[in-house]
Amino acid sequence: MFHLLWYILIGLVSGVIAKSVMHVHMTIFWTIVLGIIGSILGGAVTHMFSRPANERYHPAGLIFSTLGAILILYVCYKLNIHFPAVNLNFQ
C-alpha cells in the first residue's frame, strides 16, 4: 500500500515540475498520470545503466521521473496531442 502512495506522491511532484517547465495547464489527475508515466520511463532508463544498491529506490529517481515527464510532454507537443485543459472560468 505504501508503494502506491509513494508512486502517486512522486508522480505528483515530477508532474508539477514538468508541467511548469513546459508551461502546460492540466488537471491534477493528468498531472499525477504524467508523473507516473514519466517515472516508468525514467526508471527504465536508470535501470538500464545502473542498478540501485538497495534494490528498491534509485537515488536519481525524482530527477529522471521529471525528465521522463518532460520528454512525454515534449513528444505530445510535437505530435499535437493535448491533455484536457483546466477550466479557468470563474463565474
PDB file of N, CA and C in Angstrom:
ATOM      1  N   MET A   1       0.822  -1.190   0.000  1.00  0.00           N
ATOM      2  CA  MET A   1       0.000   0.000   0.000  1.00  0.00           C
ATOM      3  C   MET A   1       0.870   1.259   0.000  1.00  0.00           C
ATOM      4  N   PHE A   2       1.975   1.205   0.724  1.00  0.00           N
ATOM      5  CA  PHE A   2       2.865   2.357   0.782  1.00  0.00           C
ATOM      6  C   PHE A   2       3.468   2.654  -0.588  1.00  0.00           C
ATOM      7  N   HIS A   3       3.739   1.615  -1.369  1.00  0.00           N
ATOM      8  CA  HIS A   3       4.314   1.832  -2.702  1.00  0.00           C
ATOM      9  C   HIS A   3       3.366   2.614  -3.600  1.00  0.00           C
ATOM     10  N   LEU A   4       2.080   2.310  -3.521  1.00  0.00           N
ATOM     11  CA  LEU A   4       1.098   3.019  -4.331  1.00  0.00           C
ATOM     12  C   LEU A   4       1.053   4.504  -3.956  1.00  0.00           C
ATOM     13  N   LEU A   5       1.052   4.796  -2.676  1.00  0.00           N
ATOM     14  CA  LEU A   5       1.067   6.192  -2.235  1.00  0.00           C
ATOM     15  C   LEU A   5       2.366   6.888  -2.639  1.00  0.00           C
ATOM     16  N   TRP A   6       3.465   6.147  -2.585  1.00  0.00           N
ATOM     17  CA  TRP A   6       4.754   6.712  -2.978  1.00  0.00           C
ATOM     18  C   TRP A   6       4.762   7.042  -4.465  1.00  0.00           C
ATOM     19  N   TYR A   7       4.213   6.149  -5.308  1.00  0.00           N
ATOM     20  CA  TYR A   7       4.135   6.412  -6.746  1.00  0.00           C
ATOM     21  C   TYR A   7       3.278   7.634  -7.034  1.00  0.00           C
ATOM     22  N   ILE A   8       2.165   7.780  -6.318  1.00  0.00           N
ATOM     23  CA  ILE A   8       1.300   8.931  -6.529  1.00  0.00           C
ATOM     24  C   ILE A   8       2.002  10.215  -6.095  1.00  0.00           C
ATOM     25  N   LEU A   9       2.698  10.192  -4.972  1.00  0.00           N
ATOM     26  CA  LEU A   9       3.400  11.379  -4.492  1.00  0.00           C
ATOM     27  C   LEU A   9       4.525  11.785  -5.440  1.00  0.00           C
ATOM     28  N   ILE A  10       5.355  10.833  -5.832  1.00  0.00           N
ATOM     29  CA  ILE A  10       6.445  11.138  -6.765  1.00  0.00           C
ATOM     30  C   ILE A  10       5.883  11.554  -8.118  1.00  0.00           C
ATOM     31  N   GLY A  11       4.792  10.913  -8.552  1.00  0.00           N
ATOM     32  CA  GLY A  11       4.147  11.303  -9.801  1.00  0.00           C
ATOM     33  C   GLY A  11       3.629  12.722  -9.754  1.00  0.00           C
ATOM     34  N   LEU A  12       3.050  13.107  -8.629  1.00  0.00           N
ATOM     35  CA  LEU A  12       2.536  14.468  -8.481  1.00  0.00           C
ATOM     36  C   LEU A  12       3.674  15.477  -8.512  1.00  0.00           C
ATOM     37  N   VAL A  13       4.726  15.220  -7.774  1.00  0.00           N
ATOM     38  CA  VAL A  13       5.848  16.167  -7.717  1.00  0.00           C
ATOM     39  C   VAL A  13       6.525  16.296  -9.081  1.00  0.00           C
ATOM     40  N   SER A  14       6.838  15.174  -9.715  1.00  0.00           N
ATOM     41  CA  SER A  14       7.516  15.253 -11.016  1.00  0.00           C
ATOM     42  C   SER A  14       6.588  15.804 -12.093  1.00  0.00           C
ATOM     43  N   GLY A  15       5.294  15.504 -12.019  1.00  0.00           N
ATOM     44  CA  GLY A  15       4.349  16.063 -12.979  1.00  0.00           C
ATOM     45  C   GLY A  15       4.200  17.570 -12.844  1.00  0.00           C
ATOM     46  N   VAL A  16       4.159  18.057 -11.603  1.00  0.00           N
ATOM     47  CA  VAL A  16       4.057  19.512 -11.379  1.00  0.00           C
ATOM     48  C   VAL A  16       5.304  20.223 -11.895  1.00  0.00           C
ATOM     49  N   ILE A  17       6.462  19.657 -11.638  1.00  0.00           N
ATOM     50  CA  ILE A  17       7.707  20.274 -12.128  1.00  0.00           C
ATOM     51  C   ILE A  17       7.729  20.266 -13.652  1.00  0.00           C
ATOM     52  N   ALA A  18       7.361  19.136 -14.260  1.00  0.00           N
ATOM     53  CA  ALA A  18       7.396  19.026 -15.724  1.00  0.00           C
ATOM     54  C   ALA A  18       6.405  19.973 -16.387  1.00  0.00           C
ATOM     55  N   LYS A  19       5.193  20.059 -15.847  1.00  0.00           N
ATOM     56  CA  LYS A  19       4.212  20.937 -16.493  1.00  0.00           C
ATOM     57  C   LYS A  19       4.533  22.408 -16.276  1.00  0.00           C
ATOM     58  N   SER A  20       5.232  22.746 -15.200  1.00  0.00           N
ATOM     59  CA  SER A  20       5.638  24.136 -15.022  1.00  0.00           C
ATOM     60  C   SER A  20       6.810  24.487 -15.937  1.00  0.00           C
ATOM     61  N   VAL A  21       7.686  23.526 -16.200  1.00  0.00           N
ATOM     62  CA  VAL A  21       8.803  23.766 -17.125  1.00  0.00           C
ATOM     63  C   VAL A  21       8.289  23.919 -18.554  1.00  0.00           C
ATOM     64  N   MET A  22       7.318  23.085 -18.935  1.00  0.00           N
ATOM     65  CA  MET A  22       6.796  23.093 -20.304  1.00  0.00           C
ATOM     66  C   MET A  22       5.612  24.054 -20.481  1.00  0.00           C
ATOM     67  N   HIS A  23       5.180  24.729 -19.428  1.00  0.00           N
ATOM     68  CA  HIS A  23       4.076  25.699 -19.465  1.00  0.00           C
ATOM     69  C   HIS A  23       2.799  25.077 -20.009  1.00  0.00           C
ATOM     70  N   VAL A  24       2.379  23.985 -19.380  1.00  0.00           N
ATOM     71  CA  VAL A  24       1.168  23.268 -19.765  1.00  0.00           C
ATOM     72  C   VAL A  24       0.189  23.337 -18.598  1.00  0.00           C
ATOM     73  N   HIS A  25      -1.076  23.561 -18.902  1.00  0.00           N
ATOM     74  CA  HIS A  25      -2.124  23.564 -17.882  1.00  0.00           C
ATOM     75  C   HIS A  25      -2.927  22.282 -18.011  1.00  0.00           C
ATOM     76  N   MET A  26      -3.000  21.516 -16.916  1.00  0.00           N
ATOM     77  CA  MET A  26      -3.782  20.280 -16.914  1.00  0.00           C
ATOM     78  C   MET A  26      -4.299  20.021 -15.505  1.00  0.00           C
ATOM     79  N   THR A  27      -5.258  19.105 -15.415  1.00  0.00           N
ATOM     80  CA  THR A  27      -5.864  18.798 -14.124  1.00  0.00           C
ATOM     81  C   THR A  27      -4.881  18.030 -13.246  1.00  0.00           C
ATOM     82  N   ILE A  28      -5.203  17.942 -11.964  1.00  0.00           N
ATOM     83  CA  ILE A  28      -4.334  17.245 -11.014  1.00  0.00           C
ATOM     84  C   ILE A  28      -4.261  15.759 -11.350  1.00  0.00           C
ATOM     85  N   PHE A  29      -5.358  15.181 -11.839  1.00  0.00           N
ATOM     86  CA  PHE A  29      -5.353  13.771 -12.223  1.00  0.00           C
ATOM     87  C   PHE A  29      -4.351  13.522 -13.344  1.00  0.00           C
ATOM     88  N   TRP A  30      -4.400  14.337 -14.404  1.00  0.00           N
ATOM     89  CA  TRP A  30      -3.483  14.145 -15.523  1.00  0.00           C
ATOM     90  C   TRP A  30      -2.052  14.493 -15.142  1.00  0.00           C
ATOM     91  N   THR A  31      -1.869  15.379 -14.172  1.00  0.00           N
ATOM     92  CA  THR A  31      -0.530  15.683 -13.682  1.00  0.00           C
ATOM     93  C   THR A  31       0.075  14.459 -12.994  1.00  0.00           C
ATOM     94  N   ILE A  32      -0.730  13.775 -12.174  1.00  0.00           N
ATOM     95  CA  ILE A  32      -0.250  12.567 -11.497  1.00  0.00           C
ATOM     96  C   ILE A  32       0.023  11.460 -12.515  1.00  0.00           C
ATOM     97  N   VAL A  33      -0.874  11.296 -13.487  1.00  0.00           N
ATOM     98  CA  VAL A  33      -0.677  10.279 -14.526  1.00  0.00           C
ATOM     99  C   VAL A  33       0.595  10.574 -15.319  1.00  0.00           C
ATOM    100  N   LEU A  34       0.783  11.834 -15.682  1.00  0.00           N
ATOM    101  CA  LEU A  34       2.001  12.224 -16.397  1.00  0.00           C
ATOM    102  C   LEU A  34       3.247  11.904 -15.588  1.00  0.00           C
ATOM    103  N   GLY A  35       3.228  12.211 -14.299  1.00  0.00           N
ATOM    104  CA  GLY A  35       4.380  11.936 -13.442  1.00  0.00           C
ATOM    105  C   GLY A  35       4.649  10.453 -13.284  1.00  0.00           C
ATOM    106  N   ILE A  36       3.586   9.637 -13.171  1.00  0.00           N
ATOM    107  CA  ILE A  36       3.777   8.193 -13.027  1.00  0.00           C
ATOM    108  C   ILE A  36       4.333   7.597 -14.310  1.00  0.00           C
ATOM    109  N   ILE A  37       3.822   8.022 -15.465  1.00  0.00           N
ATOM    110  CA  ILE A  37       4.368   7.525 -16.728  1.00  0.00           C
ATOM    111  C   ILE A  37       5.800   8.005 -16.913  1.00  0.00           C
ATOM    112  N   GLY A  38       6.085   9.244 -16.508  1.00  0.00           N
ATOM    113  CA  GLY A  38       7.465   9.738 -16.540  1.00  0.00           C
ATOM    114  C   GLY A  38       8.372   8.944 -15.620  1.00  0.00           C
ATOM    115  N   SER A  39       7.839   8.503 -14.476  1.00  0.00           N
ATOM    116  CA  SER A  39       8.615   7.674 -13.549  1.00  0.00           C
ATOM    117  C   SER A  39       8.930   6.315 -14.159  1.00  0.00           C
ATOM    118  N   ILE A  40       7.972   5.755 -14.855  1.00  0.00           N
ATOM    119  CA  ILE A  40       8.212   4.461 -15.523  1.00  0.00           C
ATOM    120  C   ILE A  40       9.276   4.620 -16.592  1.00  0.00           C
ATOM    121  N   LEU A  41       9.174   5.670 -17.395  1.00  0.00           N
ATOM    122  CA  LEU A  41      10.162   5.915 -18.446  1.00  0.00           C
ATOM    123  C   LEU A  41      11.532   6.227 -17.857  1.00  0.00           C
ATOM    124  N   GLY A  42      11.571   7.107 -16.860  1.00  0.00           N
ATOM    125  CA  GLY A  42      12.842   7.456 -16.220  1.00  0.00           C
ATOM    126  C   GLY A  42      13.450   6.279 -15.479  1.00  0.00           C
ATOM    127  N   GLY A  43      12.601   5.465 -14.840  1.00  0.00           N
ATOM    128  CA  GLY A  43      13.091   4.270 -14.148  1.00  0.00           C
ATOM    129  C   GLY A  43      13.679   3.253 -15.099  1.00  0.00           C
ATOM    130  N   ALA A  44      13.071   3.118 -16.276  1.00  0.00           N
ATOM    131  CA  ALA A  44      13.609   2.188 -17.271  1.00  0.00           C
ATOM    132  C   ALA A  44      14.990   2.632 -17.741  1.00  0.00           C
ATOM    133  N   VAL A  45      15.146   3.923 -17.930  1.00  0.00           N
ATOM    134  CA  VAL A  45      16.445   4.444 -18.378  1.00  0.00           C
ATOM    135  C   VAL A  45      17.505   4.257 -17.299  1.00  0.00           C
ATOM    136  N   THR A  46      17.178   4.579 -16.044  1.00  0.00           N
ATOM    137  CA  THR A  46      18.177   4.464 -14.987  1.00  0.00           C
ATOM    138  C   THR A  46      18.536   3.013 -14.691  1.00  0.00           C
ATOM    139  N   HIS A  47      17.576   2.109 -14.808  1.00  0.00           N
ATOM    140  CA  HIS A  47      17.872   0.698 -14.550  1.00  0.00           C
ATOM    141  C   HIS A  47      18.680   0.067 -15.684  1.00  0.00           C
ATOM    142  N   MET A  48      18.660   0.663 -16.870  1.00  0.00           N
ATOM    143  CA  MET A  48      19.492   0.149 -17.961  1.00  0.00           C
ATOM    144  C   MET A  48      20.969   0.407 -17.690  1.00  0.00           C
ATOM    145  N   PHE A  49      21.267   1.519 -17.031  1.00  0.00           N
ATOM    146  CA  PHE A  49      22.659   1.899 -16.835  1.00  0.00           C
ATOM    147  C   PHE A  49      23.224   1.501 -15.483  1.00  0.00           C
ATOM    148  N   SER A  50      22.415   1.570 -14.437  1.00  0.00           N
ATOM    149  CA  SER A  50      22.920   1.170 -13.123  1.00  0.00           C
ATOM    150  C   SER A  50      21.764   0.719 -12.248  1.00  0.00           C
ATOM    151  N   ARG A  51      22.006  -0.322 -11.500  1.00  0.00           N
ATOM    152  CA  ARG A  51      21.011  -0.838 -10.560  1.00  0.00           C
ATOM    153  C   ARG A  51      21.148  -0.110  -9.231  1.00  0.00           C
ATOM    154  N   PRO A  52      20.024   0.137  -8.526  1.00  0.00           N
ATOM    155  CA  PRO A  52      20.134   0.752  -7.209  1.00  0.00           C
ATOM    156  C   PRO A  52      20.775  -0.215  -6.218  1.00  0.00           C
ATOM    157  N   ALA A  53      21.469   0.330  -5.251  1.00  0.00           N
ATOM    158  CA  ALA A  53      22.202  -0.501  -4.291  1.00  0.00           C
ATOM    159  C   ALA A  53      21.263  -1.303  -3.393  1.00  0.00           C
ATOM    160  N   ASN A  54      20.128  -0.713  -2.997  1.00  0.00           N
ATOM    161  CA  ASN A  54      19.239  -1.420  -2.085  1.00  0.00           C
ATOM    162  C   ASN A  54      18.102  -2.137  -2.803  1.00  0.00           C
ATOM    163  N   GLU A  55      18.109  -2.129  -4.146  1.00  0.00           N
ATOM    164  CA  GLU A  55      17.112  -2.801  -4.985  1.00  0.00           C
ATOM    165  C   GLU A  55      15.696  -2.266  -4.790  1.00  0.00           C
ATOM    166  N   ARG A  56      15.540  -1.111  -4.195  1.00  0.00           N
ATOM    167  CA  ARG A  56      14.195  -0.553  -4.015  1.00  0.00           C
ATOM    168  C   ARG A  56      14.063   0.783  -4.738  1.00  0.00           C
ATOM    169  N   TYR A  57      14.863   1.751  -4.355  1.00  0.00           N
ATOM    170  CA  TYR A  57      14.725   3.082  -4.917  1.00  0.00           C
ATOM    171  C   TYR A  57      16.050   3.524  -5.520  1.00  0.00           C
ATOM    172  N   HIS A  58      15.966   4.131  -6.674  1.00  0.00           N
ATOM    173  CA  HIS A  58      17.167   4.651  -7.318  1.00  0.00           C
ATOM    174  C   HIS A  58      17.413   6.066  -6.790  1.00  0.00           C
ATOM    175  N   PRO A  59      18.657   6.427  -6.496  1.00  0.00           N
ATOM    176  CA  PRO A  59      18.936   7.753  -5.944  1.00  0.00           C
ATOM    177  C   PRO A  59      18.493   8.899  -6.857  1.00  0.00           C
ATOM    178  N   ALA A  60      18.523   8.689  -8.154  1.00  0.00           N
ATOM    179  CA  ALA A  60      18.147   9.748  -9.090  1.00  0.00           C
ATOM    180  C   ALA A  60      16.708   9.590  -9.567  1.00  0.00           C
ATOM    181  N   GLY A  61      15.876   8.952  -8.765  1.00  0.00           N
ATOM    182  CA  GLY A  61      14.514   8.643  -9.176  1.00  0.00           C
ATOM    183  C   GLY A  61      13.670   9.859  -9.503  1.00  0.00           C
ATOM    184  N   LEU A  62      13.657  10.860  -8.636  1.00  0.00           N
ATOM    185  CA  LEU A  62      12.833  12.043  -8.881  1.00  0.00           C
ATOM    186  C   LEU A  62      13.353  12.842 -10.069  1.00  0.00           C
ATOM    187  N   ILE A  63      14.657  12.911 -10.223  1.00  0.00           N
ATOM    188  CA  ILE A  63      15.238  13.658 -11.342  1.00  0.00           C
ATOM    189  C   ILE A  63      14.857  13.014 -12.666  1.00  0.00           C
ATOM    190  N   PHE A  64      15.024  11.701 -12.770  1.00  0.00           N
ATOM    191  CA  PHE A  64      14.703  11.032 -14.019  1.00  0.00           C
ATOM    192  C   PHE A  64      13.202  10.899 -14.232  1.00  0.00           C
ATOM    193  N   SER A  65      12.415  10.878 -13.166  1.00  0.00           N
ATOM    194  CA  SER A  65      10.961  10.916 -13.311  1.00  0.00           C
ATOM    195  C   SER A  65      10.529  12.240 -13.927  1.00  0.00           C
ATOM    196  N   THR A  66      11.123  13.317 -13.467  1.00  0.00           N
ATOM    197  CA  THR A  66      10.804  14.634 -14.013  1.00  0.00           C
ATOM    198  C   THR A  66      11.271  14.749 -15.459  1.00  0.00           C
ATOM    199  N   LEU A  67      12.465  14.260 -15.749  1.00  0.00           N
ATOM    200  CA  LEU A  67      12.960  14.297 -17.131  1.00  0.00           C
ATOM    201  C   LEU A  67      12.092  13.437 -18.051  1.00  0.00           C
ATOM    202  N   GLY A  68      11.631  12.294 -17.553  1.00  0.00           N
ATOM    203  CA  GLY A  68      10.739  11.444 -18.344  1.00  0.00           C
ATOM    204  C   GLY A  68       9.414  12.137 -18.611  1.00  0.00           C
ATOM    205  N   ALA A  69       8.872  12.839 -17.625  1.00  0.00           N
ATOM    206  CA  ALA A  69       7.620  13.569 -17.805  1.00  0.00           C
ATOM    207  C   ALA A  69       7.799  14.735 -18.780  1.00  0.00           C
ATOM    208  N   ILE A  70       8.938  15.415 -18.712  1.00  0.00           N
ATOM    209  CA  ILE A  70       9.214  16.495 -19.660  1.00  0.00           C
ATOM    210  C   ILE A  70       9.324  15.933 -21.072  1.00  0.00           C
ATOM    211  N   LEU A  71       9.967  14.796 -21.223  1.00  0.00           N
ATOM    212  CA  LEU A  71      10.076  14.162 -22.537  1.00  0.00           C
ATOM    213  C   LEU A  71       8.702  13.782 -23.081  1.00  0.00           C
ATOM    214  N   ILE A  72       7.834  13.267 -22.231  1.00  0.00           N
ATOM    215  CA  ILE A  72       6.485  12.915 -22.663  1.00  0.00           C
ATOM    216  C   ILE A  72       5.723  14.160 -23.107  1.00  0.00           C
ATOM    217  N   LEU A  73       5.821  15.240 -22.344  1.00  0.00           N
ATOM    218  CA  LEU A  73       5.150  16.479 -22.736  1.00  0.00           C
ATOM    219  C   LEU A  73       5.709  17.031 -24.044  1.00  0.00           C
ATOM    220  N   TYR A  74       7.007  16.909 -24.242  1.00  0.00           N
ATOM    221  CA  TYR A  74       7.623  17.385 -25.476  1.00  0.00           C
ATOM    222  C   TYR A  74       7.128  16.576 -26.680  1.00  0.00           C
ATOM    223  N   VAL A  75       7.078  15.259 -26.530  1.00  0.00           N
ATOM    224  CA  VAL A  75       6.596  14.398 -27.621  1.00  0.00           C
ATOM    225  C   VAL A  75       5.122  14.690 -27.905  1.00  0.00           C
ATOM    226  N   CYS A  76       4.323  14.871 -26.853  1.00  0.00           N
ATOM    227  CA  CYS A  76       2.904  15.215 -27.052  1.00  0.00           C
ATOM    228  C   CYS A  76       2.759  16.554 -27.760  1.00  0.00           C
ATOM    229  N   TYR A  77       3.612  17.506 -27.436  1.00  0.00           N
ATOM    230  CA  TYR A  77       3.576  18.806 -28.100  1.00  0.00           C
ATOM    231  C   TYR A  77       3.921  18.661 -29.579  1.00  0.00           C
ATOM    232  N   LYS A  78       4.942  17.890 -29.886  1.00  0.00           N
ATOM    233  CA  LYS A  78       5.353  17.707 -31.278  1.00  0.00           C
ATOM    234  C   LYS A  78       4.321  16.929 -32.089  1.00  0.00           C
ATOM    235  N   LEU A  79       3.615  15.991 -31.448  1.00  0.00           N
ATOM    236  CA  LEU A  79       2.586  15.209 -32.144  1.00  0.00           C
ATOM    237  C   LEU A  79       1.213  15.878 -32.073  1.00  0.00           C
ATOM    238  N   ASN A  80       1.149  17.071 -31.488  1.00  0.00           N
ATOM    239  CA  ASN A  80      -0.076  17.854 -31.364  1.00  0.00           C
ATOM    240  C   ASN A  80      -1.152  17.106 -30.576  1.00  0.00           C
ATOM    241  N   ILE A  81      -0.742  16.454 -29.502  1.00  0.00           N
ATOM    242  CA  ILE A  81      -1.654  15.764 -28.594  1.00  0.00           C
ATOM    243  C   ILE A  81      -1.886  16.675 -27.399  1.00  0.00           C
ATOM    244  N   HIS A  82      -3.147  16.925 -27.072  1.00  0.00           N
ATOM    245  CA  HIS A  82      -3.472  17.835 -25.983  1.00  0.00           C
ATOM    246  C   HIS A  82      -4.120  17.084 -24.840  1.00  0.00           C
ATOM    247  N   PHE A  83      -3.746  17.446 -23.611  1.00  0.00           N
ATOM    248  CA  PHE A  83      -4.390  16.925 -22.424  1.00  0.00           C
ATOM    249  C   PHE A  83      -5.646  17.756 -22.160  1.00  0.00           C
ATOM    250  N   PRO A  84      -6.615  17.209 -21.422  1.00  0.00           N
ATOM    251  CA  PRO A  84      -7.777  18.032 -21.080  1.00  0.00           C
ATOM    252  C   PRO A  84      -7.356  19.262 -20.286  1.00  0.00           C
ATOM    253  N   ALA A  85      -7.784  20.409 -20.747  1.00  0.00           N
ATOM    254  CA  ALA A  85      -7.360  21.670 -20.133  1.00  0.00           C
ATOM    255  C   ALA A  85      -8.163  21.952 -18.863  1.00  0.00           C
ATOM    256  N   VAL A  86      -7.564  22.747 -18.018  1.00  0.00           N
ATOM    257  CA  VAL A  86      -8.218  23.175 -16.785  1.00  0.00           C
ATOM    258  C   VAL A  86      -9.148  24.331 -17.156  1.00  0.00           C
ATOM    259  N   ASN A  87     -10.385  24.277 -16.692  1.00  0.00           N
ATOM    260  CA  ASN A  87     -11.332  25.348 -16.941  1.00  0.00           C
ATOM    261  C   ASN A  87     -11.063  26.480 -15.962  1.00  0.00           C
ATOM    262  N   LEU A  88     -10.639  27.617 -16.472  1.00  0.00           N
ATOM    263  CA  LEU A  88     -10.261  28.732 -15.611  1.00  0.00           C
ATOM    264  C   LEU A  88     -11.337  29.824 -15.585  1.00  0.00           C
ATOM    265  N   ASN A  89     -12.553  29.503 -16.009  1.00  0.00           N
ATOM    266  CA  ASN A  89     -13.641  30.483 -15.975  1.00  0.00           C
ATOM    267  C   ASN A  89     -14.302  30.458 -14.603  1.00  0.00           C
ATOM    268  N   PHE A  90     -14.095  31.513 -13.846  1.00  0.00           N
ATOM    269  CA  PHE A  90     -14.698  31.635 -12.531  1.00  0.00           C
ATOM    270  C   PHE A  90     -15.923  32.529 -12.631  1.00  0.00           C
ATOM    271  N   GLN A  91     -17.102  31.947 -12.571  1.00  0.00           N
ATOM    272  CA  GLN A  91     -18.325  32.746 -12.700  1.00  0.00           C
ATOM    273  C   GLN A  91     -19.214  32.557 -11.526  1.00  0.00           C
TER     274      GLN A  91
END
